[in-house]
Amino acid sequence: MHGQAGYSLIEIAIVLVIIGLLLGGVLKGQELITSARVRNLISQQDGVRAAYFGFLDRFRALPGDYGLATANIAGATANGNGNNQIEFAAACAAPCQSPEYIVVWEHLSRAGFVNGIYTFAPAPETFASVPGNPFGAYVQVVLDNAYGTGPAGPPVPAMRHNIKTGNRIPSGILAEIDRKIDDGDPLGGAFQFSVYGGGSGGTAPTGPGGCYAAGPPASWRASVTNCGGASLL
């Protein structure tokens, strides 16, 4: 009886080439998905920033804080207290409503500055009152210092209006966003790390040793899945 013939070198080479092409296709597909998510998040941040300043230019007031929204914006059901701060809890009388960081989205959408229609409802957020990021967490516009090193510091960041991406975003994607639109530093510049947990029931991202390495210099880490960022206004 003749022994079973083995694979020839040519056949082995063909198999290896096919495997290489398949692996290359998978890696390229993952790269394309990552690039699309980076572009999506940058576009969302840029869109909210443009809407924020467009609203301010038209009404001479901040969205969410505008005290005459129900009188001047069709469909608006809530006003802010008009103190030039988008707050977590505003001290004001009806029809002023709080929290203003949720009222923001009704003002922007009813005035035509963002896509979709959002209707104010008290916290916690829902996707009927607040938009989400591509990973299913809530976006937030508010005055606080929950960015960079956060309230715990040091150094403790100053209170600033900012647009938070929401959490559940891989750190590698945030690193790419930061390199594209800012300085790549999670603790400095116009785009920084944020501990915002994406709304009620969300898990707050972990800062040093988690989403970023403290350094110096600080740098985004590559493989942490629950992270978030903030664009300073």
C-alpha atoms as a PDB file:
ATOM      1  CA  MET A   1       0.000   0.000   0.000  1.00  0.00           C
ATOM      2  CA  HIS A   2       1.133   3.477  -0.743  1.00  0.00           C
ATOM      3  CA  GLY A   3       1.444   5.920   2.183  1.00  0.00           C
ATOM      4  CA  GLN A   4      -0.844   8.962   2.216  1.00  0.00           C
ATOM      5  CA  ALA A   5       0.814  11.861   0.483  1.00  0.00           C
ATOM      6  CA  GLY A   6       1.438  15.006   2.557  1.00  0.00           C
ATOM      7  CA  TYR A   7       0.772  18.584   1.540  1.00  0.00           C
ATOM      8  CA  SER A   8       3.185  20.067  -0.914  1.00  0.00           C
ATOM      9  CA  LEU A   9       5.043  23.266  -0.126  1.00  0.00           C
ATOM     10  CA  ILE A  10       2.922  25.073  -2.704  1.00  0.00           C
ATOM     11  CA  GLU A  11      -0.318  23.961  -1.035  1.00  0.00           C
ATOM     12  CA  ILE A  12       0.951  25.001   2.379  1.00  0.00           C
ATOM     13  CA  ALA A  13       2.004  28.362   0.976  1.00  0.00           C
ATOM     14  CA  ILE A  14      -1.444  28.902  -0.558  1.00  0.00           C
ATOM     15  CA  VAL A  15      -3.144  28.078   2.754  1.00  0.00           C
ATOM     16  CA  LEU A  16      -0.857  30.496   4.611  1.00  0.00           C
ATOM     17  CA  VAL A  17      -1.579  33.242   2.079  1.00  0.00           C
ATOM     18  CA  ILE A  18      -5.341  32.699   2.470  1.00  0.00           C
ATOM     19  CA  ILE A  19      -5.055  32.806   6.266  1.00  0.00           C
ATOM     20  CA  GLY A  20      -3.002  35.988   6.013  1.00  0.00           C
ATOM     21  CA  LEU A  21      -5.597  37.610   3.768  1.00  0.00           C
ATOM     22  CA  LEU A  22      -8.403  36.649   6.143  1.00  0.00           C
ATOM     23  CA  LEU A  23      -6.564  38.014   9.174  1.00  0.00           C
ATOM     24  CA  GLY A  24      -5.707  41.176   7.259  1.00  0.00           C
ATOM     25  CA  GLY A  25      -9.351  41.627   6.320  1.00  0.00           C
ATOM     26  CA  VAL A  26     -10.491  41.197   9.932  1.00  0.00           C
ATOM     27  CA  LEU A  27      -7.906  43.683  11.215  1.00  0.00           C
ATOM     28  CA  LYS A  28      -8.758  46.159   8.474  1.00  0.00           C
ATOM     29  CA  GLY A  29     -12.454  45.798   9.289  1.00  0.00           C
ATOM     30  CA  GLN A  30     -11.768  46.499  12.971  1.00  0.00           C
ATOM     31  CA  GLU A  31      -9.687  49.528  11.990  1.00  0.00           C
ATOM     32  CA  LEU A  32     -12.514  50.865   9.825  1.00  0.00           C
ATOM     33  CA  ILE A  33     -15.054  50.364  12.628  1.00  0.00           C
ATOM     34  CA  THR A  34     -12.789  52.189  15.093  1.00  0.00           C
ATOM     35  CA  SER A  35     -12.225  55.060  12.642  1.00  0.00           C
ATOM     36  CA  ALA A  36     -15.975  55.365  12.075  1.00  0.00           C
ATOM     37  CA  ARG A  37     -16.638  55.530  15.820  1.00  0.00           C
ATOM     38  CA  VAL A  38     -13.932  58.169  16.264  1.00  0.00           C
ATOM     39  CA  ARG A  39     -15.452  60.278  13.477  1.00  0.00           C
ATOM     40  CA  ASN A  40     -18.943  59.791  14.918  1.00  0.00           C
ATOM     41  CA  LEU A  41     -17.922  60.966  18.387  1.00  0.00           C
ATOM     42  CA  ILE A  42     -15.960  63.941  17.046  1.00  0.00           C
ATOM     43  CA  SER A  43     -18.937  64.908  14.885  1.00  0.00           C
ATOM     44  CA  GLN A  44     -21.279  64.643  17.873  1.00  0.00           C
ATOM     45  CA  GLN A  45     -19.042  66.833  20.042  1.00  0.00           C
ATOM     46  CA  ASP A  46     -18.620  69.394  17.251  1.00  0.00           C
ATOM     47  CA  GLY A  47     -22.369  69.412  16.595  1.00  0.00           C
ATOM     48  CA  VAL A  48     -23.255  70.036  20.230  1.00  0.00           C
ATOM     49  CA  ARG A  49     -20.596  72.761  20.480  1.00  0.00           C
ATOM     50  CA  ALA A  50     -22.002  74.506  17.376  1.00  0.00           C
ATOM     51  CA  ALA A  51     -25.550  74.171  18.752  1.00  0.00           C
ATOM     52  CA  TYR A  52     -24.501  75.607  22.138  1.00  0.00           C
ATOM     53  CA  PHE A  53     -22.912  78.699  20.621  1.00  0.00           C
ATOM     54  CA  GLY A  54     -25.657  79.056  17.990  1.00  0.00           C
ATOM     55  CA  PHE A  55     -28.297  79.095  20.725  1.00  0.00           C
ATOM     56  CA  LEU A  56     -26.257  81.598  22.745  1.00  0.00           C
ATOM     57  CA  ASP A  57     -25.918  83.858  19.707  1.00  0.00           C
ATOM     58  CA  ARG A  58     -29.637  83.752  18.863  1.00  0.00           C
ATOM     59  CA  PHE A  59     -31.178  84.039  22.324  1.00  0.00           C
ATOM     60  CA  ARG A  60     -28.363  85.732  24.281  1.00  0.00           C
ATOM     61  CA  ALA A  61     -28.762  83.003  26.868  1.00  0.00           C
ATOM     62  CA  LEU A  62     -27.418  79.509  27.527  1.00  0.00           C
ATOM     63  CA  PRO A  63     -29.510  76.499  26.531  1.00  0.00           C
ATOM     64  CA  GLY A  64     -31.041  74.936  29.628  1.00  0.00           C
ATOM     65  CA  ASP A  65     -30.584  78.172  31.556  1.00  0.00           C
ATOM     66  CA  TYR A  66     -32.768  80.338  29.264  1.00  0.00           C
ATOM     67  CA  GLY A  67     -35.526  81.924  31.375  1.00  0.00           C
ATOM     68  CA  LEU A  68     -37.881  82.810  28.490  1.00  0.00           C
ATOM     69  CA  ALA A  69     -37.800  79.546  26.546  1.00  0.00           C
ATOM     70  CA  THR A  70     -41.509  78.725  26.999  1.00  0.00           C
ATOM     71  CA  ALA A  71     -42.392  82.166  25.622  1.00  0.00           C
ATOM     72  CA  ASN A  72     -39.968  82.234  22.705  1.00  0.00           C
ATOM     73  CA  ILE A  73     -39.379  78.617  21.612  1.00  0.00           C
ATOM     74  CA  ALA A  74     -42.283  76.665  20.161  1.00  0.00           C
ATOM     75  CA  GLY A  75     -42.900  73.451  22.089  1.00  0.00           C
ATOM     76  CA  ALA A  76     -40.637  74.309  25.015  1.00  0.00           C
ATOM     77  CA  THR A  77     -42.089  73.252  28.363  1.00  0.00           C
ATOM     78  CA  ALA A  78     -39.312  74.339  30.747  1.00  0.00           C
ATOM     79  CA  ASN A  79     -37.292  77.452  31.511  1.00  0.00           C
ATOM     80  CA  GLY A  80     -33.969  77.909  33.258  1.00  0.00           C
ATOM     81  CA  ASN A  81     -33.250  80.440  35.974  1.00  0.00           C
ATOM     82  CA  GLY A  82     -31.193  82.762  33.759  1.00  0.00           C
ATOM     83  CA  ASN A  83     -28.049  82.964  35.909  1.00  0.00           C
ATOM     84  CA  ASN A  84     -25.677  81.992  33.054  1.00  0.00           C
ATOM     85  CA  GLN A  85     -24.959  78.588  34.542  1.00  0.00           C
ATOM     86  CA  ILE A  86     -26.225  75.201  33.313  1.00  0.00           C
ATOM     87  CA  GLU A  87     -26.734  73.618  36.698  1.00  0.00           C
ATOM     88  CA  PHE A  88     -27.489  70.251  38.248  1.00  0.00           C
ATOM     89  CA  ALA A  89     -30.181  71.804  40.437  1.00  0.00           C
ATOM     90  CA  ALA A  90     -31.398  75.353  39.814  1.00  0.00           C
ATOM     91  CA  ALA A  91     -33.055  77.409  42.548  1.00  0.00           C
ATOM     92  CA  CYS A  92     -36.039  78.912  40.752  1.00  0.00           C
ATOM     93  CA  ALA A  93     -39.831  79.053  40.597  1.00  0.00           C
ATOM     94  CA  ALA A  94     -42.111  77.464  37.962  1.00  0.00           C
ATOM     95  CA  PRO A  95     -42.014  77.352  34.979  1.00  0.00           C
ATOM     96  CA  CYS A  96     -38.282  77.249  35.676  1.00  0.00           C
ATOM     97  CA  GLN A  97     -37.229  73.600  35.893  1.00  0.00           C
ATOM     98  CA  SER A  98     -34.233  71.692  37.120  1.00  0.00           C
ATOM     99  CA  PRO A  99     -31.915  69.993  36.481  1.00  0.00           C
ATOM    100  CA  GLU A 100     -30.912  72.408  33.738  1.00  0.00           C
ATOM    101  CA  TYR A 101     -28.460  69.895  32.225  1.00  0.00           C
ATOM    102  CA  ILE A 102     -31.552  67.986  31.061  1.00  0.00           C
ATOM    103  CA  VAL A 103     -33.492  71.118  30.044  1.00  0.00           C
ATOM    104  CA  VAL A 104     -30.559  71.867  27.672  1.00  0.00           C
ATOM    105  CA  TRP A 105     -31.694  69.272  25.173  1.00  0.00           C
ATOM    106  CA  GLU A 106     -35.308  70.437  24.981  1.00  0.00           C
ATOM    107  CA  HIS A 107     -34.105  73.989  24.339  1.00  0.00           C
ATOM    108  CA  LEU A 108     -31.589  72.948  21.658  1.00  0.00           C
ATOM    109  CA  SER A 109     -33.918  70.544  19.874  1.00  0.00           C
ATOM    110  CA  ARG A 110     -37.068  72.699  19.970  1.00  0.00           C
ATOM    111  CA  ALA A 111     -35.053  75.650  18.670  1.00  0.00           C
ATOM    112  CA  GLY A 112     -33.763  73.507  15.791  1.00  0.00           C
ATOM    113  CA  PHE A 113     -30.097  73.352  16.766  1.00  0.00           C
ATOM    114  CA  VAL A 114     -29.828  69.562  17.159  1.00  0.00           C
ATOM    115  CA  ASN A 115     -31.460  66.672  15.341  1.00  0.00           C
ATOM    116  CA  GLY A 116     -34.399  64.923  16.968  1.00  0.00           C
ATOM    117  CA  ILE A 117     -36.850  66.194  19.539  1.00  0.00           C
ATOM    118  CA  TYR A 118     -36.169  65.979  23.263  1.00  0.00           C
ATOM    119  CA  THR A 119     -38.748  66.746  25.942  1.00  0.00           C
ATOM    120  CA  PHE A 120     -37.735  67.790  29.427  1.00  0.00           C
ATOM    121  CA  ALA A 121     -38.454  65.379  32.265  1.00  0.00           C
ATOM    122  CA  PRO A 122     -36.873  65.380  35.738  1.00  0.00           C
ATOM    123  CA  ALA A 123     -33.874  63.167  36.418  1.00  0.00           C
ATOM    124  CA  PRO A 124     -32.997  60.434  35.779  1.00  0.00           C
ATOM    125  CA  GLU A 125     -32.244  60.921  32.109  1.00  0.00           C
ATOM    126  CA  THR A 126     -33.920  58.876  29.401  1.00  0.00           C
ATOM    127  CA  PHE A 127     -33.325  58.821  25.659  1.00  0.00           C
ATOM    128  CA  ALA A 128     -36.543  60.830  25.301  1.00  0.00           C
ATOM    129  CA  SER A 129     -34.951  63.715  27.220  1.00  0.00           C
ATOM    130  CA  VAL A 130     -31.211  63.378  26.499  1.00  0.00           C
ATOM    131  CA  PRO A 131     -29.217  62.117  23.485  1.00  0.00           C
ATOM    132  CA  GLY A 132     -26.825  59.197  23.719  1.00  0.00           C
ATOM    133  CA  ASN A 133     -23.374  58.352  22.415  1.00  0.00           C
ATOM    134  CA  PRO A 134     -22.732  55.393  20.047  1.00  0.00           C
ATOM    135  CA  PHE A 135     -22.119  53.128  23.048  1.00  0.00           C
ATOM    136  CA  GLY A 136     -25.507  53.709  24.691  1.00  0.00           C
ATOM    137  CA  ALA A 137     -24.569  56.220  27.402  1.00  0.00           C
ATOM    138  CA  TYR A 138     -25.980  59.720  27.863  1.00  0.00           C
ATOM    139  CA  VAL A 139     -24.279  62.881  26.625  1.00  0.00           C
ATOM    140  CA  GLN A 140     -24.195  65.801  29.063  1.00  0.00           C
ATOM    141  CA  VAL A 141     -23.738  69.583  28.895  1.00  0.00           C
ATOM    142  CA  VAL A 142     -23.262  71.148  32.327  1.00  0.00           C
ATOM    143  CA  LEU A 143     -21.203  73.473  34.498  1.00  0.00           C
ATOM    144  CA  ASP A 144     -18.916  71.389  36.728  1.00  0.00           C
ATOM    145  CA  ASN A 145     -15.325  70.294  37.229  1.00  0.00           C
ATOM    146  CA  ALA A 146     -15.763  66.563  36.569  1.00  0.00           C
ATOM    147  CA  TYR A 147     -13.048  66.497  33.912  1.00  0.00           C
ATOM    148  CA  GLY A 148      -9.281  66.042  33.932  1.00  0.00           C
ATOM    149  CA  THR A 149      -8.212  65.142  37.466  1.00  0.00           C
ATOM    150  CA  GLY A 150     -11.789  65.826  38.595  1.00  0.00           C
ATOM    151  CA  PRO A 151     -13.039  67.366  41.842  1.00  0.00           C
ATOM    152  CA  ALA A 152     -10.696  65.164  43.868  1.00  0.00           C
ATOM    153  CA  GLY A 153      -7.556  66.599  42.205  1.00  0.00           C
ATOM    154  CA  PRO A 154      -4.931  67.793  42.721  1.00  0.00           C
ATOM    155  CA  PRO A 155      -4.895  70.011  40.856  1.00  0.00           C
ATOM    156  CA  VAL A 156      -8.654  70.503  41.125  1.00  0.00           C
ATOM    157  CA  PRO A 157      -9.986  71.786  37.777  1.00  0.00           C
ATOM    158  CA  ALA A 158     -11.899  75.060  37.619  1.00  0.00           C
ATOM    159  CA  MET A 159     -15.659  75.000  37.131  1.00  0.00           C
ATOM    160  CA  ARG A 160     -16.295  75.091  33.380  1.00  0.00           C
ATOM    161  CA  HIS A 161     -19.184  74.452  31.035  1.00  0.00           C
ATOM    162  CA  ASN A 162     -18.317  71.302  29.123  1.00  0.00           C
ATOM    163  CA  ILE A 163     -19.751  68.660  26.804  1.00  0.00           C
ATOM    164  CA  LYS A 164     -19.295  65.144  28.123  1.00  0.00           C
ATOM    165  CA  THR A 165     -19.114  62.241  25.696  1.00  0.00           C
ATOM    166  CA  GLY A 166     -20.724  59.858  28.182  1.00  0.00           C
ATOM    167  CA  ASN A 167     -19.028  56.695  29.397  1.00  0.00           C
ATOM    168  CA  ARG A 168     -18.651  53.142  27.971  1.00  0.00           C
ATOM    169  CA  ILE A 169     -16.163  54.390  25.387  1.00  0.00           C
ATOM    170  CA  PRO A 170     -12.902  52.428  24.951  1.00  0.00           C
ATOM    171  CA  SER A 171      -9.846  54.406  26.040  1.00  0.00           C
ATOM    172  CA  GLY A 172      -8.140  53.783  22.703  1.00  0.00           C
ATOM    173  CA  ILE A 173     -10.948  55.578  20.885  1.00  0.00           C
ATOM    174  CA  LEU A 174     -10.738  58.550  23.257  1.00  0.00           C
ATOM    175  CA  ALA A 175      -6.967  58.652  22.736  1.00  0.00           C
ATOM    176  CA  GLU A 176      -7.480  58.849  18.970  1.00  0.00           C
ATOM    177  CA  ILE A 177     -10.099  61.591  19.397  1.00  0.00           C
ATOM    178  CA  ASP A 178      -7.754  63.557  21.656  1.00  0.00           C
ATOM    179  CA  ARG A 179      -4.885  63.263  19.158  1.00  0.00           C
ATOM    180  CA  LYS A 180      -7.108  64.362  16.271  1.00  0.00           C
ATOM    181  CA  ILE A 181      -8.772  67.392  17.868  1.00  0.00           C
ATOM    182  CA  ASP A 182      -6.450  68.375  20.721  1.00  0.00           C
ATOM    183  CA  ASP A 183      -3.111  67.533  22.324  1.00  0.00           C
ATOM    184  CA  GLY A 184      -3.444  63.854  23.269  1.00  0.00           C
ATOM    185  CA  ASP A 185      -3.198  64.709  26.980  1.00  0.00           C
ATOM    186  CA  PRO A 186      -6.107  63.274  29.055  1.00  0.00           C
ATOM    187  CA  LEU A 187      -5.476  65.880  31.786  1.00  0.00           C
ATOM    188  CA  GLY A 188      -4.900  68.987  29.675  1.00  0.00           C
ATOM    189  CA  GLY A 189      -6.099  70.956  26.687  1.00  0.00           C
ATOM    190  CA  ALA A 190      -9.611  71.378  25.320  1.00  0.00           C
ATOM    191  CA  PHE A 191     -10.497  67.647  25.447  1.00  0.00           C
ATOM    192  CA  GLN A 192      -9.889  65.735  28.663  1.00  0.00           C
ATOM    193  CA  PHE A 193     -10.809  62.590  30.577  1.00  0.00           C
ATOM    194  CA  SER A 194     -14.096  62.664  32.522  1.00  0.00           C
ATOM    195  CA  VAL A 195     -15.422  60.535  35.372  1.00  0.00           C
ATOM    196  CA  TYR A 196     -19.041  61.155  34.297  1.00  0.00           C
ATOM    197  CA  GLY A 197     -20.834  57.823  34.519  1.00  0.00           C
ATOM    198  CA  GLY A 198     -23.274  58.398  31.674  1.00  0.00           C
ATOM    199  CA  GLY A 199     -26.383  59.077  33.747  1.00  0.00           C
ATOM    200  CA  SER A 200     -28.356  57.354  36.459  1.00  0.00           C
ATOM    201  CA  GLY A 201     -27.129  53.843  37.193  1.00  0.00           C
ATOM    202  CA  GLY A 202     -24.000  54.264  35.056  1.00  0.00           C
ATOM    203  CA  THR A 203     -20.529  53.235  36.156  1.00  0.00           C
ATOM    204  CA  ALA A 204     -18.059  56.084  36.578  1.00  0.00           C
ATOM    205  CA  PRO A 205     -14.837  55.598  34.601  1.00  0.00           C
ATOM    206  CA  THR A 206     -11.647  55.107  36.595  1.00  0.00           C
ATOM    207  CA  GLY A 207      -8.953  57.741  36.134  1.00  0.00           C
ATOM    208  CA  PRO A 208      -5.273  57.153  36.964  1.00  0.00           C
ATOM    209  CA  GLY A 209      -4.344  53.525  36.478  1.00  0.00           C
ATOM    210  CA  GLY A 210      -7.623  52.983  34.618  1.00  0.00           C
ATOM    211  CA  CYS A 211      -8.467  55.026  31.532  1.00  0.00           C
ATOM    212  CA  TYR A 212      -5.147  56.872  31.662  1.00  0.00           C
ATOM    213  CA  ALA A 213      -1.668  56.534  33.102  1.00  0.00           C
ATOM    214  CA  ALA A 214      -0.905  59.442  35.412  1.00  0.00           C
ATOM    215  CA  GLY A 215       2.638  59.917  34.113  1.00  0.00           C
ATOM    216  CA  PRO A 216       4.109  62.469  33.959  1.00  0.00           C
ATOM    217  CA  PRO A 217       3.265  63.031  31.251  1.00  0.00           C
ATOM    218  CA  ALA A 218      -0.255  61.616  31.508  1.00  0.00           C
ATOM    219  CA  SER A 219      -1.335  59.385  28.631  1.00  0.00           C
ATOM    220  CA  TRP A 220      -4.432  57.464  27.599  1.00  0.00           C
ATOM    221  CA  ARG A 221      -4.209  53.717  28.142  1.00  0.00           C
ATOM    222  CA  ALA A 222      -5.062  51.377  25.292  1.00  0.00           C
ATOM    223  CA  SER A 223      -7.515  48.719  26.404  1.00  0.00           C
ATOM    224  CA  VAL A 224      -9.943  50.016  29.057  1.00  0.00           C
ATOM    225  CA  THR A 225     -13.568  49.749  27.916  1.00  0.00           C
ATOM    226  CA  ASN A 226     -15.462  52.085  30.275  1.00  0.00           C
ATOM    227  CA  CYS A 227     -14.032  55.561  29.732  1.00  0.00           C
ATOM    228  CA  GLY A 228     -15.297  59.032  28.871  1.00  0.00           C
ATOM    229  CA  GLY A 229     -14.144  62.481  27.876  1.00  0.00           C
ATOM    230  CA  ALA A 230     -15.216  66.106  27.976  1.00  0.00           C
ATOM    231  CA  SER A 231     -14.824  69.041  25.576  1.00  0.00           C
ATOM    232  CA  LEU A 232     -14.363  72.299  27.480  1.00  0.00           C
ATOM    233  CA  LEU A 233     -16.483  75.279  26.417  1.00  0.00           C
END
